[in-house]
Amino acid sequence: MAELTINQLIKLIIGILVIVAVVWGVYYVFKNHVAVFISNVGGTGNSSFKFILSLI
């Protein structure tokens, strides 16, 4: 098995940070849009529907 060098570790850490930043950015941008879209889709009086929305 190949050993990890300092260069490879730095690239790996930067890659993981970039992936986390992209996922967080997509979540931050779309979190309000998805909740509004889902809340307009059905009856808002349903308690299970409110539970699902609270999970999002």
N, C-alpha and C. Protein backbone atom coordinates (compact mmCIF):
# COMPACT_ATOMS: atom_id res chain seq x y z
N MET A 1 0.84 -1.18 0.00
CA MET A 1 0.00 0.00 0.00
C MET A 1 0.88 1.24 0.00
N ALA A 2 0.50 2.22 -0.77
CA ALA A 2 1.30 3.44 -0.88
C ALA A 2 1.18 4.28 0.40
N GLU A 3 2.27 4.87 0.77
CA GLU A 3 2.26 5.72 1.95
C GLU A 3 1.75 7.11 1.58
N LEU A 4 1.12 7.77 2.56
CA LEU A 4 0.65 9.12 2.34
C LEU A 4 1.77 10.10 2.64
N THR A 5 2.06 10.94 1.70
CA THR A 5 3.07 11.97 1.94
C THR A 5 2.36 13.22 2.43
N ILE A 6 3.15 14.19 2.85
CA ILE A 6 2.60 15.45 3.33
C ILE A 6 1.80 16.13 2.22
N ASN A 7 2.30 16.08 0.99
CA ASN A 7 1.60 16.68 -0.15
C ASN A 7 0.24 16.05 -0.35
N GLN A 8 0.18 14.73 -0.28
CA GLN A 8 -1.08 14.04 -0.47
C GLN A 8 -2.05 14.32 0.67
N LEU A 9 -1.54 14.42 1.89
CA LEU A 9 -2.40 14.74 3.03
C LEU A 9 -2.99 16.14 2.90
N ILE A 10 -2.17 17.09 2.47
CA ILE A 10 -2.66 18.46 2.29
C ILE A 10 -3.74 18.50 1.21
N LYS A 11 -3.52 17.81 0.10
CA LYS A 11 -4.52 17.77 -0.96
C LYS A 11 -5.80 17.10 -0.48
N LEU A 12 -5.68 16.05 0.30
CA LEU A 12 -6.84 15.36 0.83
C LEU A 12 -7.64 16.26 1.76
N ILE A 13 -6.97 16.95 2.65
CA ILE A 13 -7.65 17.85 3.59
C ILE A 13 -8.33 18.99 2.85
N ILE A 14 -7.65 19.58 1.88
CA ILE A 14 -8.25 20.67 1.10
C ILE A 14 -9.45 20.16 0.31
N GLY A 15 -9.35 18.96 -0.25
CA GLY A 15 -10.48 18.39 -0.98
C GLY A 15 -11.69 18.17 -0.10
N ILE A 16 -11.47 17.66 1.10
CA ILE A 16 -12.58 17.44 2.03
C ILE A 16 -13.20 18.78 2.43
N LEU A 17 -12.37 19.79 2.69
CA LEU A 17 -12.90 21.10 3.06
C LEU A 17 -13.71 21.72 1.92
N VAL A 18 -13.26 21.54 0.69
CA VAL A 18 -14.00 22.07 -0.46
C VAL A 18 -15.35 21.38 -0.59
N ILE A 19 -15.38 20.07 -0.43
CA ILE A 19 -16.64 19.33 -0.52
C ILE A 19 -17.61 19.78 0.58
N VAL A 20 -17.11 19.93 1.80
CA VAL A 20 -17.95 20.39 2.90
C VAL A 20 -18.47 21.80 2.63
N ALA A 21 -17.62 22.67 2.11
CA ALA A 21 -18.04 24.05 1.81
C ALA A 21 -19.11 24.08 0.73
N VAL A 22 -18.98 23.26 -0.29
CA VAL A 22 -19.96 23.22 -1.37
C VAL A 22 -21.30 22.70 -0.86
N VAL A 23 -21.27 21.63 -0.08
CA VAL A 23 -22.52 21.07 0.46
C VAL A 23 -23.19 22.08 1.38
N TRP A 24 -22.42 22.73 2.23
CA TRP A 24 -22.99 23.75 3.12
C TRP A 24 -23.56 24.91 2.32
N GLY A 25 -22.86 25.35 1.28
CA GLY A 25 -23.34 26.45 0.45
C GLY A 25 -24.64 26.11 -0.26
N VAL A 26 -24.74 24.91 -0.81
CA VAL A 26 -25.97 24.49 -1.48
C VAL A 26 -27.11 24.42 -0.47
N TYR A 27 -26.85 23.89 0.70
CA TYR A 27 -27.87 23.84 1.74
C TYR A 27 -28.31 25.24 2.14
N TYR A 28 -27.36 26.14 2.35
CA TYR A 28 -27.67 27.50 2.79
C TYR A 28 -28.49 28.26 1.75
N VAL A 29 -28.18 28.06 0.47
CA VAL A 29 -28.89 28.77 -0.59
C VAL A 29 -30.30 28.25 -0.76
N PHE A 30 -30.49 26.93 -0.69
CA PHE A 30 -31.78 26.34 -1.02
C PHE A 30 -32.65 25.99 0.17
N LYS A 31 -32.20 26.20 1.41
CA LYS A 31 -32.98 25.74 2.55
C LYS A 31 -34.34 26.43 2.64
N ASN A 32 -34.42 27.72 2.36
CA ASN A 32 -35.70 28.41 2.43
C ASN A 32 -36.58 28.08 1.24
N HIS A 33 -36.00 27.89 0.07
CA HIS A 33 -36.78 27.61 -1.12
C HIS A 33 -37.46 26.24 -1.03
N VAL A 34 -36.75 25.25 -0.54
CA VAL A 34 -37.32 23.90 -0.44
C VAL A 34 -38.44 23.88 0.59
N ALA A 35 -38.25 24.52 1.73
CA ALA A 35 -39.28 24.54 2.77
C ALA A 35 -40.53 25.25 2.27
N VAL A 36 -40.38 26.35 1.54
CA VAL A 36 -41.54 27.07 1.00
C VAL A 36 -42.24 26.22 -0.05
N PHE A 37 -41.47 25.56 -0.90
CA PHE A 37 -42.06 24.71 -1.93
C PHE A 37 -42.86 23.57 -1.31
N ILE A 38 -42.31 22.91 -0.31
CA ILE A 38 -42.99 21.79 0.32
C ILE A 38 -44.21 22.27 1.10
N SER A 39 -44.13 23.43 1.73
CA SER A 39 -45.27 23.91 2.51
C SER A 39 -46.44 24.30 1.62
N ASN A 40 -46.20 24.59 0.34
CA ASN A 40 -47.28 24.94 -0.57
C ASN A 40 -47.88 23.72 -1.25
N VAL A 41 -47.36 22.53 -1.00
CA VAL A 41 -47.79 21.35 -1.73
C VAL A 41 -48.99 20.67 -1.10
N GLY A 42 -49.36 20.75 0.04
CA GLY A 42 -50.46 19.93 0.55
C GLY A 42 -51.26 20.70 1.56
N GLY A 43 -52.07 19.95 2.27
CA GLY A 43 -52.82 20.57 3.35
C GLY A 43 -51.89 20.93 4.49
N THR A 44 -51.96 22.18 4.93
CA THR A 44 -51.04 22.61 5.98
C THR A 44 -51.55 22.24 7.37
N GLY A 45 -52.77 21.70 7.47
CA GLY A 45 -53.30 21.33 8.77
C GLY A 45 -52.87 19.94 9.23
N ASN A 46 -52.19 19.20 8.38
CA ASN A 46 -51.81 17.84 8.70
C ASN A 46 -50.63 17.82 9.67
N SER A 47 -50.76 17.12 10.78
CA SER A 47 -49.69 17.13 11.79
C SER A 47 -48.46 16.36 11.32
N SER A 48 -48.66 15.28 10.52
CA SER A 48 -47.49 14.55 10.02
C SER A 48 -46.73 15.39 9.01
N PHE A 49 -47.44 16.22 8.27
CA PHE A 49 -46.79 17.13 7.32
C PHE A 49 -45.92 18.14 8.07
N LYS A 50 -46.42 18.66 9.17
CA LYS A 50 -45.64 19.61 9.98
C LYS A 50 -44.42 18.92 10.58
N PHE A 51 -44.56 17.66 10.95
CA PHE A 51 -43.44 16.91 11.48
C PHE A 51 -42.34 16.74 10.43
N ILE A 52 -42.73 16.41 9.21
CA ILE A 52 -41.77 16.25 8.12
C ILE A 52 -41.06 17.57 7.86
N LEU A 53 -41.79 18.67 7.86
CA LEU A 53 -41.18 19.98 7.66
C LEU A 53 -40.21 20.31 8.79
N SER A 54 -40.51 19.90 10.00
CA SER A 54 -39.60 20.19 11.10
C SER A 54 -38.29 19.42 10.97
N LEU A 55 -38.33 18.27 10.31
CA LEU A 55 -37.11 17.51 10.10
C LEU A 55 -36.20 18.18 9.07
N ILE A 56 -36.79 18.90 8.15
CA ILE A 56 -36.00 19.58 7.11
C ILE A 56 -35.42 20.83 7.71
